[in-house]
């Protein structure tokens, strides 16, 4: 069994992505790692090259600055990585996602168990979405709690929308014109540790505005710039829970280097009445109702 991992990044240091930790967390699980690196100006490419790992293959790209709709540039970069995959499985890890070493055995077992079961298009992971700092995570419907991260690298499978997940297409070359078919997946006993909203407020604001460039016009960017001119407002959240588990070991230095204080005040949450009811049901049953699922669990 051969496993290809793939990811993409651009200016990872400027926007404070844990992209090195992300790569390192998956290297033990793969035979090759395709790292798609956009035209960076902050030493991102040099840092990946300096890892000097024979598994890592760098693919250089130039991002289309005019691509400012629906985050499609992210799917484009993801697909470039997928197109270079040569394994039986392709393991997609995004630059703010890290795999915990305790889950390695379960991930290896799942890839082995389903290798020859062609009814399985991919493997579904649970997510822990950290917010504000490393001690809080978002359990509500605002955050995706599961997503596909391992797929078969078939020509028919393409990254979906803004690299949210993957779908199967009749005409992969024109995947933007086709709705696509949801993949059939197995939910496995493994978790993605997602650090998308864990930064110093100034860096989080900068990253949020940069991300917005891939979805919105200049007027929206000006609005965000004004909104976050004193840093990202972490009070703009519905509800958080305290994280009582352990982080991946590879993240410890970054955790120790936290240079800001996040003071979470539950009374300030901005949940609507509907969301409060749904979250109460979730707390009682462990199930999220009416959430969007870009997959079919089999």
Protein backbone atom coordinates (compact mmCIF):
# COMPACT_ATOMS: atom_id res chain seq x y z
CA UNK A 1 0.00 0.00 0.00
CA UNK A 2 1.37 3.38 -1.01
CA UNK A 3 0.11 6.63 0.52
CA UNK A 4 0.50 10.11 -0.95
CA UNK A 5 -0.13 13.12 1.27
CA UNK A 6 -0.79 16.53 -0.27
CA UNK A 7 -1.30 20.09 0.90
CA UNK A 8 -0.96 23.70 -0.25
CA UNK A 9 0.28 26.94 1.28
CA UNK A 10 1.20 30.50 0.38
CA UNK A 11 2.96 32.93 2.72
CA UNK A 12 2.57 30.59 5.66
CA UNK A 13 4.71 32.70 8.01
CA UNK A 14 3.02 36.01 7.26
CA UNK A 15 -0.37 34.52 8.13
CA UNK A 16 1.00 32.33 10.94
CA UNK A 17 -0.07 28.91 9.69
CA UNK A 18 1.31 25.86 11.52
CA UNK A 19 2.20 24.44 8.12
CA UNK A 20 5.49 22.88 9.18
CA UNK A 21 3.78 21.08 12.07
CA UNK A 22 1.01 20.05 9.68
CA UNK A 23 3.47 18.42 7.30
CA UNK A 24 5.44 16.78 10.10
CA UNK A 25 2.28 15.27 11.59
CA UNK A 26 1.46 13.36 8.40
CA UNK A 27 4.94 12.33 7.23
CA UNK A 28 4.94 9.13 9.34
CA UNK A 29 1.76 8.02 7.56
CA UNK A 30 2.79 8.59 3.96
CA UNK A 31 5.36 7.49 1.39
CA UNK A 32 5.40 10.83 -0.41
CA UNK A 33 4.21 14.34 0.42
CA UNK A 34 3.21 16.70 -2.38
CA UNK A 35 3.53 20.28 -1.10
CA UNK A 36 1.99 22.85 -3.45
CA UNK A 37 3.54 26.23 -2.62
CA UNK A 38 2.20 29.46 -4.05
CA UNK A 39 4.36 32.47 -4.89
CA UNK A 40 5.42 33.33 -1.35
CA UNK A 41 7.56 36.24 -0.18
CA UNK A 42 8.19 35.20 3.42
CA UNK A 43 10.47 32.17 3.20
CA UNK A 44 7.68 29.58 3.19
CA UNK A 45 9.18 27.61 0.31
CA UNK A 46 12.66 27.79 1.79
CA UNK A 47 11.38 26.47 5.13
CA UNK A 48 9.74 23.44 3.51
CA UNK A 49 12.86 22.74 1.45
CA UNK A 50 14.99 23.05 4.61
CA UNK A 51 13.08 20.15 6.14
CA UNK A 52 15.26 18.10 3.80
CA UNK A 53 12.90 15.14 3.83
CA UNK A 54 13.11 12.85 0.78
CA UNK A 55 9.35 12.22 0.97
CA UNK A 56 8.55 15.88 0.26
CA UNK A 57 8.11 17.05 -3.34
CA UNK A 58 7.51 20.79 -3.85
CA UNK A 59 5.26 21.99 -6.66
CA UNK A 60 5.61 25.73 -7.33
CA UNK A 61 2.53 27.70 -8.36
CA UNK A 62 1.43 31.29 -8.91
CA UNK A 63 -1.93 32.24 -7.47
CA UNK A 64 -4.41 34.03 -9.68
CA UNK A 65 -5.03 37.35 -7.92
CA UNK A 66 -8.14 37.87 -10.03
CA UNK A 67 -9.75 34.69 -8.71
CA UNK A 68 -11.92 36.34 -6.09
CA UNK A 69 -15.07 34.29 -6.06
CA UNK A 70 -16.17 31.40 -3.87
CA UNK A 71 -12.65 30.54 -2.73
CA UNK A 72 -12.06 28.51 -5.88
CA UNK A 73 -8.34 29.21 -5.83
CA UNK A 74 -8.12 26.82 -2.85
CA UNK A 75 -9.73 23.99 -4.81
CA UNK A 76 -7.39 24.75 -7.70
CA UNK A 77 -4.33 24.42 -5.48
CA UNK A 78 -5.69 21.27 -3.85
CA UNK A 79 -6.30 19.67 -7.24
CA UNK A 80 -2.74 20.41 -8.34
CA UNK A 81 -1.53 18.39 -5.38
CA UNK A 82 -4.03 15.62 -6.04
CA UNK A 83 -2.92 15.40 -9.68
CA UNK A 84 0.61 14.55 -8.53
CA UNK A 85 -0.50 11.78 -6.16
CA UNK A 86 0.80 8.32 -7.09
CA UNK A 87 -0.40 6.33 -4.10
CA UNK A 88 -3.30 3.96 -3.48
CA UNK A 89 -4.64 6.57 -1.05
CA UNK A 90 -4.28 10.37 -1.09
CA UNK A 91 -4.19 12.02 2.34
CA UNK A 92 -5.20 15.69 2.21
CA UNK A 93 -4.06 17.86 5.09
CA UNK A 94 -4.62 21.61 5.11
CA UNK A 95 -2.00 24.02 6.42
CA UNK A 96 -3.84 24.71 9.69
CA UNK A 97 -4.65 21.05 10.40
CA UNK A 98 -2.54 18.63 12.43
CA UNK A 99 -2.86 14.90 13.10
CA UNK A 100 -2.32 13.56 16.62
CA UNK A 101 0.24 10.79 16.89
CA UNK A 102 -2.16 8.72 19.02
CA UNK A 103 -4.36 8.28 15.93
CA UNK A 104 -1.64 6.84 13.67
CA UNK A 105 -2.55 3.17 14.32
CA UNK A 106 -6.26 3.73 13.61
CA UNK A 107 -5.51 5.64 10.40
CA UNK A 108 -3.10 2.98 9.13
CA UNK A 109 -5.57 0.23 9.99
CA UNK A 110 -8.43 1.97 8.18
CA UNK A 111 -6.35 2.50 5.03
CA UNK A 112 -5.35 -1.16 5.10
CA UNK A 113 -8.81 -2.51 5.89
CA UNK A 114 -10.56 -0.62 3.09
CA UNK A 115 -7.76 -0.71 0.51
CA UNK A 116 -9.45 -3.35 -1.64
CA UNK A 117 -13.05 -2.36 -0.90
CA UNK A 118 -13.80 -0.27 -3.96
CA UNK A 119 -17.20 0.77 -2.59
CA UNK A 120 -15.25 3.06 -0.24
CA UNK A 121 -14.21 6.28 -1.98
CA UNK A 122 -12.63 7.86 1.08
CA UNK A 123 -12.21 8.05 4.84
CA UNK A 124 -13.98 10.55 7.07
CA UNK A 125 -12.31 12.20 10.08
CA UNK A 126 -13.79 13.92 13.09
CA UNK A 127 -12.69 17.53 13.67
CA UNK A 128 -11.81 19.57 16.73
CA UNK A 129 -12.01 23.22 15.73
CA UNK A 130 -9.97 25.34 18.16
CA UNK A 131 -10.97 28.96 18.61
CA UNK A 132 -9.31 31.85 20.44
CA UNK A 133 -6.57 29.78 22.00
CA UNK A 134 -5.50 26.17 22.48
CA UNK A 135 -7.87 25.64 25.40
CA UNK A 136 -11.20 26.23 23.66
CA UNK A 137 -12.96 24.66 20.69
CA UNK A 138 -16.17 25.26 18.80
CA UNK A 139 -18.63 22.35 19.11
CA UNK A 140 -21.61 24.03 17.44
CA UNK A 141 -23.05 23.75 13.95
CA UNK A 142 -20.99 26.79 12.94
CA UNK A 143 -17.96 24.51 12.61
CA UNK A 144 -17.77 21.37 10.47
CA UNK A 145 -17.34 18.43 12.83
CA UNK A 146 -16.44 15.86 10.16
CA UNK A 147 -14.76 15.98 6.76
CA UNK A 148 -13.11 13.73 4.20
CA UNK A 149 -9.33 13.74 4.43
CA UNK A 150 -8.30 10.49 2.71
CA UNK A 151 -9.50 9.62 -0.78
CA UNK A 152 -8.64 7.39 -3.69
CA UNK A 153 -6.65 9.52 -6.17
CA UNK A 154 -8.94 8.76 -9.11
CA UNK A 155 -9.21 11.11 -12.11
CA UNK A 156 -12.93 11.49 -11.42
CA UNK A 157 -12.41 12.86 -7.90
CA UNK A 158 -11.84 16.60 -7.53
CA UNK A 159 -11.65 19.08 -4.68
CA UNK A 160 -15.09 20.56 -4.03
CA UNK A 161 -15.89 24.28 -3.96
CA UNK A 162 -13.28 26.03 -1.80
CA UNK A 163 -11.40 22.85 -0.91
CA UNK A 164 -14.04 21.95 1.64
CA UNK A 165 -14.02 18.29 0.67
CA UNK A 166 -14.17 16.14 -2.44
CA UNK A 167 -16.70 14.90 -4.97
CA UNK A 168 -16.79 12.59 -7.97
CA UNK A 169 -17.45 14.07 -11.42
CA UNK A 170 -18.43 12.72 -14.82
CA UNK A 171 -16.29 15.39 -16.47
CA UNK A 172 -13.50 16.28 -14.01
CA UNK A 173 -12.04 18.88 -16.37
CA UNK A 174 -15.23 20.92 -15.99
CA UNK A 175 -15.91 20.23 -12.33
CA UNK A 176 -17.02 23.82 -11.76
CA UNK A 177 -19.96 23.32 -14.11
CA UNK A 178 -21.10 20.08 -12.51
CA UNK A 179 -22.70 19.46 -9.13
CA UNK A 180 -20.78 16.25 -8.64
CA UNK A 181 -21.59 13.14 -6.66
CA UNK A 182 -20.94 12.87 -2.94
CA UNK A 183 -18.29 10.31 -2.05
CA UNK A 184 -19.10 7.13 -0.16
CA UNK A 185 -16.95 7.11 2.94
CA UNK A 186 -16.19 5.26 6.15
CA UNK A 187 -16.04 7.22 9.40
CA UNK A 188 -12.80 6.28 11.15
CA UNK A 189 -11.60 6.65 14.72
CA UNK A 190 -9.27 9.57 14.07
CA UNK A 191 -9.40 13.34 14.51
CA UNK A 192 -8.12 16.40 12.70
CA UNK A 193 -6.92 19.12 15.09
CA UNK A 194 -7.92 22.31 13.31
CA UNK A 195 -6.20 25.57 14.34
CA UNK A 196 -7.81 28.01 11.90
CA UNK A 197 -8.79 30.52 14.62
CA UNK A 198 -5.79 30.25 16.95
CA UNK A 199 -3.52 33.25 16.46
CA UNK A 200 -2.54 36.52 18.03
CA UNK A 201 -5.56 38.81 17.29
CA UNK A 202 -3.47 41.01 14.95
CA UNK A 203 -2.31 38.01 12.94
CA UNK A 204 -5.81 36.52 12.95
CA UNK A 205 -7.19 39.76 11.50
CA UNK A 206 -4.53 39.79 8.79
CA UNK A 207 -5.23 36.15 7.90
CA UNK A 208 -9.01 36.72 7.87
CA UNK A 209 -8.69 39.66 5.47
CA UNK A 210 -6.35 37.71 3.20
CA UNK A 211 -8.82 34.81 3.11
CA UNK A 212 -11.63 37.25 2.31
CA UNK A 213 -9.77 38.29 -0.85
CA UNK A 214 -10.65 34.87 -2.27
CA UNK A 215 -14.37 35.44 -1.77
CA UNK A 216 -15.18 39.17 -1.80
CA UNK A 217 -14.57 42.46 -3.60
CA UNK A 218 -12.59 45.44 -2.33
CA UNK A 219 -15.55 47.03 -0.53
CA UNK A 220 -15.86 43.99 1.73
CA UNK A 221 -12.12 44.04 2.40
CA UNK A 222 -12.30 47.69 3.45
CA UNK A 223 -15.19 46.84 5.76
CA UNK A 224 -13.20 44.02 7.37
CA UNK A 225 -10.13 46.23 7.66
CA UNK A 226 -12.14 48.78 9.61
CA UNK A 227 -13.85 46.11 11.71
CA UNK A 228 -10.58 44.45 12.73
CA UNK A 229 -8.24 47.45 12.83
CA UNK A 230 -7.56 46.68 16.50
CA UNK A 231 -7.23 42.96 15.86
CA UNK A 232 -9.63 40.11 15.32
CA UNK A 233 -12.64 40.14 17.62
CA UNK A 234 -12.75 36.68 19.20
CA UNK A 235 -16.03 37.49 20.94
CA UNK A 236 -17.76 36.93 17.60
CA UNK A 237 -18.60 33.31 18.36
CA UNK A 238 -21.68 31.39 19.37
CA UNK A 239 -20.46 28.93 21.99
CA UNK A 240 -17.18 27.29 23.00
CA UNK A 241 -16.22 24.36 25.17
CA UNK A 242 -13.08 23.83 27.20
CA UNK A 243 -10.65 21.37 25.63
CA UNK A 244 -9.51 18.79 28.17
CA UNK A 245 -7.55 16.45 25.94
CA UNK A 246 -3.97 16.55 24.67
CA UNK A 247 -2.70 18.32 21.58
CA UNK A 248 -0.41 16.65 19.05
CA UNK A 249 3.11 16.63 20.48
CA UNK A 250 4.40 18.47 17.41
CA UNK A 251 2.32 21.50 18.46
CA UNK A 252 3.80 21.89 21.94
CA UNK A 253 6.41 24.53 21.07
CA UNK A 254 3.78 26.63 19.33
CA UNK A 255 1.43 26.28 22.29
CA UNK A 256 4.19 27.31 24.68
CA UNK A 257 4.87 30.39 22.53
CA UNK A 258 1.32 31.80 22.75
CA UNK A 259 1.71 35.56 23.19
CA UNK A 260 -1.89 36.66 23.74
CA UNK A 261 -4.64 36.08 26.29
CA UNK A 262 -8.09 34.91 25.23
CA UNK A 263 -10.75 35.65 27.82
CA UNK A 264 -13.83 33.67 26.84
CA UNK A 265 -17.08 34.94 28.34
CA UNK A 266 -19.93 32.48 27.64
CA UNK A 267 -22.57 35.11 28.40
CA UNK A 268 -21.50 37.05 25.31
CA UNK A 269 -22.27 34.27 22.83
CA UNK A 270 -24.31 35.34 19.82
CA UNK A 271 -26.44 32.24 19.33
CA UNK A 272 -29.95 32.68 17.99
CA UNK A 273 -32.85 31.01 19.76
CA UNK A 274 -32.94 28.33 17.06
CA UNK A 275 -29.23 27.59 17.52
CA UNK A 276 -29.62 27.47 21.30
CA UNK A 277 -32.34 24.84 20.98
CA UNK A 278 -30.35 22.79 18.48
CA UNK A 279 -27.24 22.97 20.65
CA UNK A 280 -29.23 21.84 23.70
CA UNK A 281 -30.42 18.83 21.70
CA UNK A 282 -26.82 18.18 20.63
CA UNK A 283 -25.65 18.25 24.25
CA UNK A 284 -28.34 15.75 25.23
CA UNK A 285 -28.04 13.34 22.29
CA UNK A 286 -24.54 13.90 20.92
CA UNK A 287 -26.03 14.51 17.47
CA UNK A 288 -25.93 17.66 15.34
CA UNK A 289 -29.24 18.08 13.54
CA UNK A 290 -29.74 19.62 10.08
CA UNK A 291 -26.03 20.04 9.34
CA UNK A 292 -24.68 20.05 5.81
CA UNK A 293 -22.81 16.86 4.92
CA UNK A 294 -20.67 16.70 1.82
CA UNK A 295 -20.39 12.89 1.95
CA UNK A 296 -22.35 9.66 2.37
CA UNK A 297 -21.33 7.45 5.28
CA UNK A 298 -21.60 3.74 4.40
